[in-house]
Every structure is written in C-alpha cells, then in structure tokens.
C-alpha cells in the first residue's frame, strides 16, 4: 500500500495545526493528505492513461482540496498562505 500508517502520521505531524499525530481534522492536515494522494494518483495516471475510474477519483480529490483551500482563503488568509508556501501549491 502506498500510504502506510507511519506516512499518514508523519503528514499529520508535519503539516497539522497542532503539530501532533492526533491533529487529523484540521484543514492544513487534510490539504497535506490530499496533496500527497493527488501526487501519487498523478504518477499512476502517467503510466496508466486509460484508467478512467482513477481519473475520476483524482478529480474528486482535487475538488475537495480546492474547497478546503477556498475556505481557508476566505476565513483565515494567513493559514492559507502558510499552507500554500509549505506544500508548494499555487492557485
């Protein structure tokens, strides 16, 4: 499996708001998790161009991440700027 418990805990610890493994619900930790999964699926689709069900899942993940980023941008612009810079995402 590409996403082990240890890798997920590392993502939550590095990008979570509280900098702990238990911070799984904050927008920053969810955006980091979605970004990791998006990058993995993008690589998968480069090799398997006809995998349409994975492409649909990728588009859903991108939409979820976009909605979370829009929420942060509208409500807490500093958190938005920090997570964009940290993950290297740009609008």
PDB file of N, CA and C in Angstrom:
ATOM      1  N   UNK A   1       0.846  -1.181   0.000  1.00  0.00           N
ATOM      2  CA  UNK A   1       0.000   0.000   0.000  1.00  0.00           C
ATOM      3  C   UNK A   1       0.889   1.240   0.000  1.00  0.00           C
ATOM      4  N   UNK A   2       0.521   2.230  -0.761  1.00  0.00           N
ATOM      5  CA  UNK A   2       1.360   3.408  -0.929  1.00  0.00           C
ATOM      6  C   UNK A   2       1.306   4.341   0.270  1.00  0.00           C
ATOM      7  N   UNK A   3       0.230   4.297   1.049  1.00  0.00           N
ATOM      8  CA  UNK A   3       0.078   5.211   2.178  1.00  0.00           C
ATOM      9  C   UNK A   3      -0.032   4.396   3.466  1.00  0.00           C
ATOM     10  N   UNK A   4       1.081   4.258   4.153  1.00  0.00           N
ATOM     11  CA  UNK A   4       1.099   3.482   5.387  1.00  0.00           C
ATOM     12  C   UNK A   4       0.677   4.348   6.566  1.00  0.00           C
ATOM     13  N   UNK A   5       0.427   3.698   7.692  1.00  0.00           N
ATOM     14  CA  UNK A   5       0.059   4.435   8.905  1.00  0.00           C
ATOM     15  C   UNK A   5       1.160   5.412   9.299  1.00  0.00           C
ATOM     16  N   UNK A   6       2.401   4.984   9.138  1.00  0.00           N
ATOM     17  CA  UNK A   6       3.528   5.825   9.532  1.00  0.00           C
ATOM     18  C   UNK A   6       3.616   7.073   8.652  1.00  0.00           C
ATOM     19  N   UNK A   7       3.403   6.890   7.347  1.00  0.00           N
ATOM     20  CA  UNK A   7       3.472   8.029   6.430  1.00  0.00           C
ATOM     21  C   UNK A   7       2.335   9.013   6.711  1.00  0.00           C
ATOM     22  N   UNK A   8       1.150   8.471   6.987  1.00  0.00           N
ATOM     23  CA  UNK A   8      -0.001   9.325   7.290  1.00  0.00           C
ATOM     24  C   UNK A   8       0.244  10.100   8.586  1.00  0.00           C
ATOM     25  N   UNK A   9       0.785   9.421   9.609  1.00  0.00           N
ATOM     26  CA  UNK A   9       1.087  10.086  10.871  1.00  0.00           C
ATOM     27  C   UNK A   9       2.143  11.169  10.673  1.00  0.00           C
ATOM     28  N   UNK A  10       3.112  10.898   9.813  1.00  0.00           N
ATOM     29  CA  UNK A  10       4.151  11.883   9.526  1.00  0.00           C
ATOM     30  C   UNK A  10       3.561  13.121   8.847  1.00  0.00           C
ATOM     31  N   UNK A  11       2.639  12.904   7.904  1.00  0.00           N
ATOM     32  CA  UNK A  11       1.985  14.033   7.243  1.00  0.00           C
ATOM     33  C   UNK A  11       1.213  14.885   8.239  1.00  0.00           C
ATOM     34  N   UNK A  12       0.452  14.234   9.125  1.00  0.00           N
ATOM     35  CA  UNK A  12      -0.338  14.969  10.109  1.00  0.00           C
ATOM     36  C   UNK A  12       0.561  15.709  11.091  1.00  0.00           C
ATOM     37  N   UNK A  13       1.672  15.092  11.456  1.00  0.00           N
ATOM     38  CA  UNK A  13       2.573  15.726  12.420  1.00  0.00           C
ATOM     39  C   UNK A  13       3.288  16.926  11.803  1.00  0.00           C
ATOM     40  N   UNK A  14       3.693  16.801  10.545  1.00  0.00           N
ATOM     41  CA  UNK A  14       4.447  17.884   9.903  1.00  0.00           C
ATOM     42  C   UNK A  14       3.567  19.049   9.465  1.00  0.00           C
ATOM     43  N   UNK A  15       2.342  18.768   9.046  1.00  0.00           N
ATOM     44  CA  UNK A  15       1.521  19.815   8.462  1.00  0.00           C
ATOM     45  C   UNK A  15       0.299  20.182   9.289  1.00  0.00           C
ATOM     46  N   UNK A  16       0.030  19.455  10.347  1.00  0.00           N
ATOM     47  CA  UNK A  16      -1.142  19.741  11.163  1.00  0.00           C
ATOM     48  C   UNK A  16      -0.998  21.048  11.909  1.00  0.00           C
ATOM     49  N   UNK A  17      -2.098  21.553  12.342  1.00  0.00           N
ATOM     50  CA  UNK A  17      -2.108  22.837  13.030  1.00  0.00           C
ATOM     51  C   UNK A  17      -1.465  22.726  14.419  1.00  0.00           C
ATOM     52  N   UNK A  18      -1.689  21.610  15.086  1.00  0.00           N
ATOM     53  CA  UNK A  18      -1.156  21.425  16.431  1.00  0.00           C
ATOM     54  C   UNK A  18       0.186  20.721  16.444  1.00  0.00           C
ATOM     55  N   UNK A  19       0.673  20.320  15.267  1.00  0.00           N
ATOM     56  CA  UNK A  19       1.951  19.606  15.121  1.00  0.00           C
ATOM     57  C   UNK A  19       1.967  18.321  15.943  1.00  0.00           C
ATOM     58  N   UNK A  20       0.846  17.597  15.927  1.00  0.00           N
ATOM     59  CA  UNK A  20       0.796  16.297  16.586  1.00  0.00           C
ATOM     60  C   UNK A  20       0.117  15.305  15.664  1.00  0.00           C
ATOM     61  N   UNK A  21       0.283  14.026  15.976  1.00  0.00           N
ATOM     62  CA  UNK A  21      -0.296  12.962  15.163  1.00  0.00           C
ATOM     63  C   UNK A  21      -1.811  12.962  15.283  1.00  0.00           C
ATOM     64  N   UNK A  22      -2.326  13.443  16.391  1.00  0.00           N
ATOM     65  CA  UNK A  22      -3.773  13.411  16.638  1.00  0.00           C
ATOM     66  C   UNK A  22      -4.531  14.501  15.890  1.00  0.00           C
ATOM     67  N   UNK A  23      -3.818  15.438  15.292  1.00  0.00           N
ATOM     68  CA  UNK A  23      -4.474  16.528  14.562  1.00  0.00           C
ATOM     69  C   UNK A  23      -4.784  16.069  13.139  1.00  0.00           C
ATOM     70  N   UNK A  24      -5.867  15.320  12.993  1.00  0.00           N
ATOM     71  CA  UNK A  24      -6.218  14.779  11.683  1.00  0.00           C
ATOM     72  C   UNK A  24      -7.326  15.552  11.004  1.00  0.00           C
ATOM     73  N   UNK A  25      -7.981  16.437  11.700  1.00  0.00           N
ATOM     74  CA  UNK A  25      -9.148  17.096  11.140  1.00  0.00           C
ATOM     75  C   UNK A  25      -8.929  18.521  10.695  1.00  0.00           C
ATOM     76  N   UNK A  26      -7.790  19.106  11.016  1.00  0.00           N
ATOM     77  CA  UNK A  26      -7.577  20.498  10.631  1.00  0.00           C
ATOM     78  C   UNK A  26      -7.456  20.599   9.119  1.00  0.00           C
ATOM     79  N   UNK A  27      -7.768  21.754   8.610  1.00  0.00           N
ATOM     80  CA  UNK A  27      -7.738  21.954   7.163  1.00  0.00           C
ATOM     81  C   UNK A  27      -6.328  21.743   6.610  1.00  0.00           C
ATOM     82  N   UNK A  28      -5.317  22.175   7.345  1.00  0.00           N
ATOM     83  CA  UNK A  28      -3.942  22.031   6.870  1.00  0.00           C
ATOM     84  C   UNK A  28      -3.541  20.565   6.728  1.00  0.00           C
ATOM     85  N   UNK A  29      -3.894  19.752   7.719  1.00  0.00           N
ATOM     86  CA  UNK A  29      -3.517  18.338   7.647  1.00  0.00           C
ATOM     87  C   UNK A  29      -4.289  17.625   6.542  1.00  0.00           C
ATOM     88  N   UNK A  30      -5.554  17.979   6.351  1.00  0.00           N
ATOM     89  CA  UNK A  30      -6.333  17.374   5.274  1.00  0.00           C
ATOM     90  C   UNK A  30      -5.797  17.788   3.908  1.00  0.00           C
ATOM     91  N   UNK A  31      -5.408  19.036   3.754  1.00  0.00           N
ATOM     92  CA  UNK A  31      -4.849  19.505   2.488  1.00  0.00           C
ATOM     93  C   UNK A  31      -3.532  18.788   2.201  1.00  0.00           C
ATOM     94  N   UNK A  32      -2.711  18.590   3.226  1.00  0.00           N
ATOM     95  CA  UNK A  32      -1.450  17.878   3.030  1.00  0.00           C
ATOM     96  C   UNK A  32      -1.698  16.430   2.601  1.00  0.00           C
ATOM     97  N   UNK A  33      -2.672  15.780   3.232  1.00  0.00           N
ATOM     98  CA  UNK A  33      -3.002  14.401   2.874  1.00  0.00           C
ATOM     99  C   UNK A  33      -3.535  14.325   1.450  1.00  0.00           C
ATOM    100  N   UNK A  34      -4.431  15.235   1.090  1.00  0.00           N
ATOM    101  CA  UNK A  34      -4.968  15.249  -0.272  1.00  0.00           C
ATOM    102  C   UNK A  34      -3.860  15.501  -1.292  1.00  0.00           C
ATOM    103  N   UNK A  35      -2.927  16.393  -0.980  1.00  0.00           N
ATOM    104  CA  UNK A  35      -1.835  16.694  -1.895  1.00  0.00           C
ATOM    105  C   UNK A  35      -0.964  15.467  -2.114  1.00  0.00           C
ATOM    106  N   UNK A  36      -0.671  14.729  -1.052  1.00  0.00           N
ATOM    107  CA  UNK A  36       0.119  13.508  -1.181  1.00  0.00           C
ATOM    108  C   UNK A  36      -0.603  12.499  -2.076  1.00  0.00           C
ATOM    109  N   UNK A  37      -1.896  12.318  -1.846  1.00  0.00           N
ATOM    110  CA  UNK A  37      -2.669  11.369  -2.641  1.00  0.00           C
ATOM    111  C   UNK A  37      -2.786  11.834  -4.092  1.00  0.00           C
ATOM    112  N   UNK A  38      -2.959  13.123  -4.322  1.00  0.00           N
ATOM    113  CA  UNK A  38      -3.046  13.664  -5.680  1.00  0.00           C
ATOM    114  C   UNK A  38      -1.748  13.414  -6.438  1.00  0.00           C
ATOM    115  N   UNK A  39      -0.619  13.640  -5.784  1.00  0.00           N
ATOM    116  CA  UNK A  39       0.666  13.403  -6.433  1.00  0.00           C
ATOM    117  C   UNK A  39       0.841  11.932  -6.792  1.00  0.00           C
ATOM    118  N   UNK A  40       0.415  11.045  -5.890  1.00  0.00           N
ATOM    119  CA  UNK A  40       0.520   9.611  -6.163  1.00  0.00           C
ATOM    120  C   UNK A  40      -0.358   9.210  -7.342  1.00  0.00           C
ATOM    121  N   UNK A  41      -1.603   9.689  -7.361  1.00  0.00           N
ATOM    122  CA  UNK A  41      -2.515   9.331  -8.447  1.00  0.00           C
ATOM    123  C   UNK A  41      -2.074   9.936  -9.780  1.00  0.00           C
ATOM    124  N   UNK A  42      -1.470  11.097  -9.745  1.00  0.00           N
ATOM    125  CA  UNK A  42      -0.966  11.713 -10.971  1.00  0.00           C
ATOM    126  C   UNK A  42       0.126  10.845 -11.586  1.00  0.00           C
ATOM    127  N   UNK A  43       1.027  10.347 -10.744  1.00  0.00           N
ATOM    128  CA  UNK A  43       2.076   9.451 -11.239  1.00  0.00           C
ATOM    129  C   UNK A  43       1.476   8.162 -11.795  1.00  0.00           C
ATOM    130  N   UNK A  44       0.472   7.631 -11.124  1.00  0.00           N
ATOM    131  CA  UNK A  44      -0.198   6.411 -11.585  1.00  0.00           C
ATOM    132  C   UNK A  44      -0.830   6.626 -12.959  1.00  0.00           C
ATOM    133  N   UNK A  45      -1.454   7.782 -13.148  1.00  0.00           N
ATOM    134  CA  UNK A  45      -2.136   8.049 -14.414  1.00  0.00           C
ATOM    135  C   UNK A  45      -1.167   8.333 -15.561  1.00  0.00           C
ATOM    136  N   UNK A  46       0.057   8.731 -15.242  1.00  0.00           N
ATOM    137  CA  UNK A  46       1.050   8.896 -16.301  1.00  0.00           C
ATOM    138  C   UNK A  46       1.392   7.546 -16.930  1.00  0.00           C
ATOM    139  N   UNK A  47       1.380   6.498 -16.117  1.00  0.00           N
ATOM    140  CA  UNK A  47       1.683   5.158 -16.614  1.00  0.00           C
ATOM    141  C   UNK A  47       0.450   4.467 -17.187  1.00  0.00           C
ATOM    142  N   UNK A  48      -0.715   4.708 -16.595  1.00  0.00           N
ATOM    143  CA  UNK A  48      -1.955   4.034 -16.978  1.00  0.00           C
ATOM    144  C   UNK A  48      -2.948   5.061 -17.505  1.00  0.00           C
ATOM    145  N   UNK A  49      -2.787   5.422 -18.760  1.00  0.00           N
ATOM    146  CA  UNK A  49      -3.569   6.512 -19.329  1.00  0.00           C
ATOM    147  C   UNK A  49      -5.051   6.189 -19.475  1.00  0.00           C
ATOM    148  N   UNK A  50      -5.426   4.931 -19.533  1.00  0.00           N
ATOM    149  CA  UNK A  50      -6.825   4.564 -19.764  1.00  0.00           C
ATOM    150  C   UNK A  50      -7.573   4.216 -18.484  1.00  0.00           C
ATOM    151  N   UNK A  51      -6.988   4.498 -17.331  1.00  0.00           N
ATOM    152  CA  UNK A  51      -7.609   4.192 -16.048  1.00  0.00           C
ATOM    153  C   UNK A  51      -8.577   5.329 -15.678  1.00  0.00           C
ATOM    154  N   UNK A  52      -9.791   5.247 -16.205  1.00  0.00           N
ATOM    155  CA  UNK A  52     -10.741   6.345 -16.051  1.00  0.00           C
ATOM    156  C   UNK A  52     -11.325   6.435 -14.650  1.00  0.00           C
ATOM    157  N   UNK A  53     -11.460   5.337 -13.943  1.00  0.00           N
ATOM    158  CA  UNK A  53     -12.005   5.402 -12.585  1.00  0.00           C
ATOM    159  C   UNK A  53     -11.030   6.106 -11.648  1.00  0.00           C
ATOM    160  N   UNK A  54      -9.741   5.895 -11.845  1.00  0.00           N
ATOM    161  CA  UNK A  54      -8.747   6.607 -11.044  1.00  0.00           C
ATOM    162  C   UNK A  54      -8.752   8.085 -11.388  1.00  0.00           C
ATOM    163  N   UNK A  55      -8.949   8.402 -12.650  1.00  0.00           N
ATOM    164  CA  UNK A  55      -9.009   9.804 -13.070  1.00  0.00           C
ATOM    165  C   UNK A  55     -10.181  10.522 -12.395  1.00  0.00           C
ATOM    166  N   UNK A  56     -11.314   9.842 -12.293  1.00  0.00           N
ATOM    167  CA  UNK A  56     -12.469  10.414 -11.616  1.00  0.00           C
ATOM    168  C   UNK A  56     -12.171  10.646 -10.134  1.00  0.00           C
ATOM    169  N   UNK A  57     -11.522   9.682  -9.488  1.00  0.00           N
ATOM    170  CA  UNK A  57     -11.135   9.842  -8.089  1.00  0.00           C
ATOM    171  C   UNK A  57     -10.165  10.994  -7.898  1.00  0.00           C
ATOM    172  N   UNK A  58      -9.246  11.142  -8.843  1.00  0.00           N
ATOM    173  CA  UNK A  58      -8.292  12.250  -8.782  1.00  0.00           C
ATOM    174  C   UNK A  58      -9.011  13.588  -8.882  1.00  0.00           C
ATOM    175  N   UNK A  59      -9.961  13.684  -9.784  1.00  0.00           N
ATOM    176  CA  UNK A  59     -10.705  14.941  -9.931  1.00  0.00           C
ATOM    177  C   UNK A  59     -11.511  15.266  -8.675  1.00  0.00           C
ATOM    178  N   UNK A  60     -12.056  14.252  -8.036  1.00  0.00           N
ATOM    179  CA  UNK A  60     -12.785  14.484  -6.781  1.00  0.00           C
ATOM    180  C   UNK A  60     -11.854  14.988  -5.681  1.00  0.00           C
ATOM    181  N   UNK A  61     -10.658  14.387  -5.593  1.00  0.00           N
ATOM    182  CA  UNK A  61      -9.684  14.833  -4.591  1.00  0.00           C
ATOM    183  C   UNK A  61      -9.250  16.269  -4.838  1.00  0.00           C
ATOM    184  N   UNK A  62      -9.032  16.615  -6.090  1.00  0.00           N
ATOM    185  CA  UNK A  62      -8.630  17.979  -6.420  1.00  0.00           C
ATOM    186  C   UNK A  62      -9.731  18.955  -6.015  1.00  0.00           C
ATOM    187  N   UNK A  63     -10.988  18.571  -6.243  1.00  0.00           N
ATOM    188  CA  UNK A  63     -12.107  19.421  -5.848  1.00  0.00           C
ATOM    189  C   UNK A  63     -12.212  19.589  -4.345  1.00  0.00           C
ATOM    190  N   UNK A  64     -12.000  18.507  -3.607  1.00  0.00           N
ATOM    191  CA  UNK A  64     -12.040  18.598  -2.138  1.00  0.00           C
ATOM    192  C   UNK A  64     -10.943  19.524  -1.623  1.00  0.00           C
ATOM    193  N   UNK A  65      -9.740  19.345  -2.182  1.00  0.00           N
ATOM    194  CA  UNK A  65      -8.631  20.187  -1.750  1.00  0.00           C
ATOM    195  C   UNK A  65      -8.896  21.649  -2.100  1.00  0.00           C
ATOM    196  N   UNK A  66      -9.464  21.883  -3.278  1.00  0.00           N
ATOM    197  CA  UNK A  66      -9.762  23.250  -3.699  1.00  0.00           C
ATOM    198  C   UNK A  66     -10.770  23.906  -2.764  1.00  0.00           C
ATOM    199  N   UNK A  67     -11.809  23.140  -2.344  1.00  0.00           N
ATOM    200  CA  UNK A  67     -12.811  23.688  -1.430  1.00  0.00           C
ATOM    201  C   UNK A  67     -12.197  24.019  -0.071  1.00  0.00           C
ATOM    202  N   UNK A  68     -11.306  23.167   0.429  1.00  0.00           N
ATOM    203  CA  UNK A  68     -10.638  23.457   1.701  1.00  0.00           C
ATOM    204  C   UNK A  68      -9.750  24.699   1.582  1.00  0.00           C
ATOM    205  N   UNK A  69      -9.035  24.811   0.465  1.00  0.00           N
ATOM    206  CA  UNK A  69      -8.188  25.983   0.264  1.00  0.00           C
ATOM    207  C   UNK A  69      -9.027  27.252   0.146  1.00  0.00           C
ATOM    208  N   UNK A  70     -10.172  27.168  -0.526  1.00  0.00           N
ATOM    209  CA  UNK A  70     -11.062  28.327  -0.625  1.00  0.00           C
ATOM    210  C   UNK A  70     -11.594  28.734   0.744  1.00  0.00           C
ATOM    211  N   UNK A  71     -11.923  27.750   1.566  1.00  0.00           N
ATOM    212  CA  UNK A  71     -12.396  28.021   2.927  1.00  0.00           C
ATOM    213  C   UNK A  71     -11.323  28.764   3.725  1.00  0.00           C
ATOM    214  N   UNK A  72     -10.086  28.265   3.651  1.00  0.00           N
ATOM    215  CA  UNK A  72      -9.004  28.924   4.384  1.00  0.00           C
ATOM    216  C   UNK A  72      -8.757  30.333   3.858  1.00  0.00           C
ATOM    217  N   UNK A  73      -8.806  30.489   2.543  1.00  0.00           N
ATOM    218  CA  UNK A  73      -8.546  31.803   1.964  1.00  0.00           C
ATOM    219  C   UNK A  73      -9.618  32.803   2.398  1.00  0.00           C
ATOM    220  N   UNK A  74     -10.855  32.350   2.478  1.00  0.00           N
ATOM    221  CA  UNK A  74     -11.952  33.249   2.840  1.00  0.00           C
ATOM    222  C   UNK A  74     -11.934  33.595   4.331  1.00  0.00           C
ATOM    223  N   UNK A  75     -11.589  32.622   5.192  1.00  0.00           N
ATOM    224  CA  UNK A  75     -11.712  32.837   6.633  1.00  0.00           C
ATOM    225  C   UNK A  75     -10.412  33.190   7.338  1.00  0.00           C
ATOM    226  N   UNK A  76      -9.308  32.556   6.949  1.00  0.00           N
ATOM    227  CA  UNK A  76      -8.034  32.800   7.631  1.00  0.00           C
ATOM    228  C   UNK A  76      -6.917  32.829   6.603  1.00  0.00           C
ATOM    229  N   UNK A  77      -6.671  34.013   6.064  1.00  0.00           N
ATOM    230  CA  UNK A  77      -5.753  34.167   4.940  1.00  0.00           C
ATOM    231  C   UNK A  77      -4.316  33.807   5.314  1.00  0.00           C
ATOM    232  N   UNK A  78      -3.914  34.034   6.565  1.00  0.00           N
ATOM    233  CA  UNK A  78      -2.537  33.713   6.963  1.00  0.00           C
ATOM    234  C   UNK A  78      -2.293  32.205   6.958  1.00  0.00           C
ATOM    235  N   UNK A  79      -3.255  31.439   7.441  1.00  0.00           N
ATOM    236  CA  UNK A  79      -3.134  29.971   7.397  1.00  0.00           C
ATOM    237  C   UNK A  79      -3.087  29.487   5.956  1.00  0.00           C
ATOM    238  N   UNK A  80      -3.878  30.114   5.094  1.00  0.00           N
ATOM    239  CA  UNK A  80      -3.896  29.773   3.673  1.00  0.00           C
ATOM    240  C   UNK A  80      -2.523  30.002   3.053  1.00  0.00           C
ATOM    241  N   UNK A  81      -1.949  31.180   3.286  1.00  0.00           N
ATOM    242  CA  UNK A  81      -0.632  31.498   2.723  1.00  0.00           C
ATOM    243  C   UNK A  81       0.452  30.565   3.244  1.00  0.00           C
ATOM    244  N   UNK A  82       0.341  30.195   4.524  1.00  0.00           N
ATOM    245  CA  UNK A  82       1.341  29.312   5.113  1.00  0.00           C
ATOM    246  C   UNK A  82       1.291  27.918   4.484  1.00  0.00           C
ATOM    247  N   UNK A  83       0.099  27.367   4.299  1.00  0.00           N
ATOM    248  CA  UNK A  83      -0.008  26.012   3.753  1.00  0.00           C
ATOM    249  C   UNK A  83       0.351  25.990   2.272  1.00  0.00           C
ATOM    250  N   UNK A  84       0.038  27.054   1.548  1.00  0.00           N
ATOM    251  CA  UNK A  84       0.409  27.147   0.133  1.00  0.00           C
ATOM    252  C   UNK A  84       1.932  27.141   0.003  1.00  0.00           C
ATOM    253  N   UNK A  85       2.601  27.938   0.833  1.00  0.00           N
ATOM    254  CA  UNK A  85       4.063  28.022   0.775  1.00  0.00           C
ATOM    255  C   UNK A  85       4.698  26.702   1.228  1.00  0.00           C
ATOM    256  N   UNK A  86       4.126  26.085   2.243  1.00  0.00           N
ATOM    257  CA  UNK A  86       4.685  24.852   2.812  1.00  0.00           C
ATOM    258  C   UNK A  86       4.622  23.695   1.827  1.00  0.00           C
ATOM    259  N   UNK A  87       3.501  23.562   1.122  1.00  0.00           N
ATOM    260  CA  UNK A  87       3.310  22.432   0.219  1.00  0.00           C
ATOM    261  C   UNK A  87       3.701  22.737  -1.221  1.00  0.00           C
ATOM    262  N   UNK A  88       3.933  24.000  -1.526  1.00  0.00           N
ATOM    263  CA  UNK A  88       4.302  24.351  -2.888  1.00  0.00           C
ATOM    264  C   UNK A  88       3.139  24.302  -3.857  1.00  0.00           C
ATOM    265  N   UNK A  89       1.925  24.553  -3.347  1.00  0.00           N
ATOM    266  CA  UNK A  89       0.738  24.588  -4.189  1.00  0.00           C
ATOM    267  C   UNK A  89       0.524  26.039  -4.604  1.00  0.00           C
ATOM    268  N   UNK A  90       0.027  26.233  -5.774  1.00  0.00           N
ATOM    269  CA  UNK A  90      -0.334  27.596  -6.170  1.00  0.00           C
ATOM    270  C   UNK A  90      -1.683  27.558  -6.845  1.00  0.00           C
ATOM    271  N   UNK A  91      -2.383  28.649  -6.740  1.00  0.00           N
ATOM    272  CA  UNK A  91      -3.729  28.703  -7.293  1.00  0.00           C
ATOM    273  C   UNK A  91      -3.680  28.933  -8.790  1.00  0.00           C
TER     274      UNK A  91
END
